[in-house]
C-alpha atoms as a PDB file:
ATOM      1  CA  UNK A   1     -40.972 -98.920 159.877  1.00  0.00           C
ATOM      2  CA  UNK A   2     -43.130 -96.681 162.089  1.00  0.00           C
ATOM      3  CA  UNK A   3     -46.484 -95.268 161.018  1.00  0.00           C
ATOM      4  CA  UNK A   4     -47.462 -92.159 163.010  1.00  0.00           C
ATOM      5  CA  UNK A   5     -51.091 -91.112 163.438  1.00  0.00           C
ATOM      6  CA  UNK A   6     -51.233 -87.387 164.222  1.00  0.00           C
ATOM      7  CA  UNK A   7     -54.476 -85.551 164.859  1.00  0.00           C
ATOM      8  CA  UNK A   8     -56.999 -84.015 167.218  1.00  0.00           C
ATOM      9  CA  UNK A   9     -58.379 -85.717 170.306  1.00  0.00           C
ATOM     10  CA  UNK A  10     -61.332 -88.015 169.409  1.00  0.00           C
ATOM     11  CA  UNK A  11     -60.572 -87.603 165.677  1.00  0.00           C
ATOM     12  CA  UNK A  12     -60.247 -90.557 163.318  1.00  0.00           C
ATOM     13  CA  UNK A  13     -57.023 -90.672 161.302  1.00  0.00           C
ATOM     14  CA  UNK A  14     -56.479 -93.059 158.367  1.00  0.00           C
ATOM     15  CA  UNK A  15     -53.022 -94.007 157.081  1.00  0.00           C
ATOM     16  CA  UNK A  16     -52.070 -96.247 154.158  1.00  0.00           C
ATOM     17  CA  UNK A  17     -49.286 -98.810 154.334  1.00  0.00           C
ATOM     18  CA  UNK A  18     -48.057 -99.443 150.773  1.00  0.00           C
ATOM     19  CA  UNK A  19     -46.756-102.898 149.873  1.00  0.00           C
ATOM     20  CA  UNK A  20     -44.908-104.017 146.722  1.00  0.00           C
ATOM     21  CA  UNK A  21     -44.548-107.507 145.306  1.00  0.00           C
ATOM     22  CA  UNK A  22     -41.334-107.892 143.259  1.00  0.00           C
ATOM     23  CA  UNK A  23     -41.957-111.594 142.531  1.00  0.00           C
ATOM     24  CA  UNK A  24     -43.833-113.189 139.634  1.00  0.00           C
ATOM     25  CA  UNK A  25     -46.240-114.969 142.020  1.00  0.00           C
ATOM     26  CA  UNK A  26     -49.275-113.579 143.842  1.00  0.00           C
ATOM     27  CA  UNK A  27     -48.687-112.885 147.542  1.00  0.00           C
ATOM     28  CA  UNK A  28     -51.424-113.067 150.159  1.00  0.00           C
ATOM     29  CA  UNK A  29     -51.116-111.688 153.687  1.00  0.00           C
ATOM     30  CA  UNK A  30     -53.224-111.892 156.819  1.00  0.00           C
ATOM     31  CA  UNK A  31     -53.141-108.550 158.698  1.00  0.00           C
ATOM     32  CA  UNK A  32     -53.392-108.558 162.495  1.00  0.00           C
ATOM     33  CA  UNK A  33     -53.240-105.715 165.011  1.00  0.00           C
ATOM     34  CA  UNK A  34     -51.453-106.670 168.231  1.00  0.00           C
ATOM     35  CA  UNK A  35     -50.481-104.805 171.371  1.00  0.00           C
ATOM     36  CA  UNK A  36     -51.971-103.294 174.491  1.00  0.00           C
ATOM     37  CA  UNK A  37     -53.806-100.533 172.595  1.00  0.00           C
ATOM     38  CA  UNK A  38     -54.610-102.507 169.440  1.00  0.00           C
ATOM     39  CA  UNK A  39     -58.339-101.867 170.054  1.00  0.00           C
ATOM     40  CA  UNK A  40     -57.799 -98.175 169.177  1.00  0.00           C
ATOM     41  CA  UNK A  41     -56.650 -99.189 165.682  1.00  0.00           C
ATOM     42  CA  UNK A  42     -58.709-100.960 163.021  1.00  0.00           C
ATOM     43  CA  UNK A  43     -58.486-102.390 159.507  1.00  0.00           C
ATOM     44  CA  UNK A  44     -61.626-101.016 157.780  1.00  0.00           C
ATOM     45  CA  UNK A  45     -61.096-103.018 154.576  1.00  0.00           C
ATOM     46  CA  UNK A  46     -60.641-106.380 156.289  1.00  0.00           C
ATOM     47  CA  UNK A  47     -57.581-108.347 157.263  1.00  0.00           C
ATOM     48  CA  UNK A  48     -56.708-110.096 153.974  1.00  0.00           C
ATOM     49  CA  UNK A  49     -54.280-108.389 151.592  1.00  0.00           C
ATOM     50  CA  UNK A  50     -53.622-109.754 148.090  1.00  0.00           C
ATOM     51  CA  UNK A  51     -50.688-108.368 146.105  1.00  0.00           C
ATOM     52  CA  UNK A  52     -50.622-109.307 142.408  1.00  0.00           C
ATOM     53  CA  UNK A  53     -47.360-110.364 140.702  1.00  0.00           C
ATOM     54  CA  UNK A  54     -45.037-107.386 140.155  1.00  0.00           C
ATOM     55  CA  UNK A  55     -47.841-105.261 141.619  1.00  0.00           C
ATOM     56  CA  UNK A  56     -48.690-103.132 144.619  1.00  0.00           C
ATOM     57  CA  UNK A  57     -51.371-103.019 147.288  1.00  0.00           C
ATOM     58  CA  UNK A  58     -52.116-100.847 150.280  1.00  0.00           C
ATOM     59  CA  UNK A  59     -53.532-101.532 153.721  1.00  0.00           C
ATOM     60  CA  UNK A  60     -55.678 -98.832 155.323  1.00  0.00           C
ATOM     61  CA  UNK A  61     -55.188 -98.524 159.077  1.00  0.00           C
ATOM     62  CA  UNK A  62     -57.621 -96.380 161.060  1.00  0.00           C
ATOM     63  CA  UNK A  63     -56.963 -94.825 164.475  1.00  0.00           C
ATOM     64  CA  UNK A  64     -59.510 -93.152 166.748  1.00  0.00           C
ATOM     65  CA  UNK A  65     -58.113 -91.566 169.896  1.00  0.00           C
ATOM     66  CA  UNK A  66     -59.883 -92.299 173.169  1.00  0.00           C
ATOM     67  CA  UNK A  67     -57.208 -91.030 175.560  1.00  0.00           C
ATOM     68  CA  UNK A  68     -54.652 -88.208 175.578  1.00  0.00           C
ATOM     69  CA  UNK A  69     -51.649 -90.477 176.078  1.00  0.00           C
ATOM     70  CA  UNK A  70     -49.970 -91.876 172.943  1.00  0.00           C
ATOM     71  CA  UNK A  71     -51.293 -95.260 171.806  1.00  0.00           C
ATOM     72  CA  UNK A  72     -49.001 -97.929 170.392  1.00  0.00           C
ATOM     73  CA  UNK A  73     -49.646-101.191 168.566  1.00  0.00           C
ATOM     74  CA  UNK A  74     -48.110-103.378 165.880  1.00  0.00           C
ATOM     75  CA  UNK A  75     -49.447-104.242 162.433  1.00  0.00           C
ATOM     76  CA  UNK A  76     -48.377-107.817 161.745  1.00  0.00           C
ATOM     77  CA  UNK A  77     -48.626-109.137 158.174  1.00  0.00           C
ATOM     78  CA  UNK A  78     -48.182-112.905 157.996  1.00  0.00           C
ATOM     79  CA  UNK A  79     -47.976-114.633 154.649  1.00  0.00           C
ATOM     80  CA  UNK A  80     -50.518-117.160 153.464  1.00  0.00           C
ATOM     81  CA  UNK A  81     -49.099-119.540 150.887  1.00  0.00           C
ATOM     82  CA  UNK A  82     -50.545-119.230 147.393  1.00  0.00           C
ATOM     83  CA  UNK A  83     -49.356-121.978 145.053  1.00  0.00           C
ATOM     84  CA  UNK A  84     -46.513-122.902 147.405  1.00  0.00           C
ATOM     85  CA  UNK A  85     -45.117-119.353 147.505  1.00  0.00           C
ATOM     86  CA  UNK A  86     -45.034-117.444 150.775  1.00  0.00           C
ATOM     87  CA  UNK A  87     -43.750-113.965 151.481  1.00  0.00           C
ATOM     88  CA  UNK A  88     -41.759-112.701 154.431  1.00  0.00           C
ATOM     89  CA  UNK A  89     -43.579-111.712 157.620  1.00  0.00           C
ATOM     90  CA  UNK A  90     -43.815-107.913 157.861  1.00  0.00           C
ATOM     91  CA  UNK A  91     -44.240-105.758 160.975  1.00  0.00           C
ATOM     92  CA  UNK A  92     -45.041-102.073 161.304  1.00  0.00           C
ATOM     93  CA  UNK A  93     -45.048-100.039 164.497  1.00  0.00           C
ATOM     94  CA  UNK A  94     -48.175 -97.886 164.921  1.00  0.00           C
ATOM     95  CA  UNK A  95     -47.937 -94.799 167.152  1.00  0.00           C
ATOM     96  CA  UNK A  96     -50.366 -91.982 167.840  1.00  0.00           C
ATOM     97  CA  UNK A  97     -49.769 -88.355 168.721  1.00  0.00           C
ATOM     98  CA  UNK A  98     -52.528 -85.997 169.883  1.00  0.00           C
ATOM     99  CA  UNK A  99     -51.733 -82.507 168.589  1.00  0.00           C
ATOM    100  CA  UNK A 100     -54.720 -80.533 169.883  1.00  0.00           C
ATOM    101  CA  UNK A 101     -58.056 -80.773 171.648  1.00  0.00           C
ATOM    102  CA  UNK A 102     -61.173 -79.251 170.148  1.00  0.00           C
ATOM    103  CA  UNK A 103     -64.061 -78.559 172.526  1.00  0.00           C
ATOM    104  CA  UNK A 104     -67.210 -80.565 171.851  1.00  0.00           C
ATOM    105  CA  UNK A 105     -69.288 -77.587 172.987  1.00  0.00           C
ATOM    106  CA  UNK A 106     -69.525 -74.763 175.495  1.00  0.00           C
ATOM    107  CA  UNK A 107     -72.008 -74.788 178.337  1.00  0.00           C
ATOM    108  CA  UNK A 108     -72.724 -71.584 180.278  1.00  0.00           C
ATOM    109  CA  UNK A 109     -74.203 -71.880 183.762  1.00  0.00           C
ATOM    110  CA  UNK A 110     -75.300 -69.202 186.232  1.00  0.00           C
ATOM    111  CA  UNK A 111     -75.907 -69.919 189.893  1.00  0.00           C
ATOM    112  CA  UNK A 112     -75.423 -68.207 193.238  1.00  0.00           C
ATOM    113  CA  UNK A 113     -72.253 -69.072 195.096  1.00  0.00           C
ATOM    114  CA  UNK A 114     -74.098 -69.275 198.437  1.00  0.00           C
ATOM    115  CA  UNK A 115     -77.440 -68.501 200.074  1.00  0.00           C
ATOM    116  CA  UNK A 116     -78.181 -66.883 203.444  1.00  0.00           C
END
């Protein structure tokens, strides 16, 4: 699954990755961001995800653009065993897309082109 972060240059975009637990045991995951541009992405709520039995949980992933080129990383969810039960390892592709650039401000300058 691919999660796309679309927004303005230098804007912060937050996306939720929803997870379901169909089993009758609690699942616990350790979330890790990997890849060349993983530093542009963050997990504001920490890297531990607990999904109750027959329940749901979501992982917030934040992206702040620093460059115009698209950034890519992977969200890796590895299971921690709880009571001998472990879930499958999950991976999500994270990709950014800059849609527009908003000026930070306008500066007007006046000066002569040359002097004699």
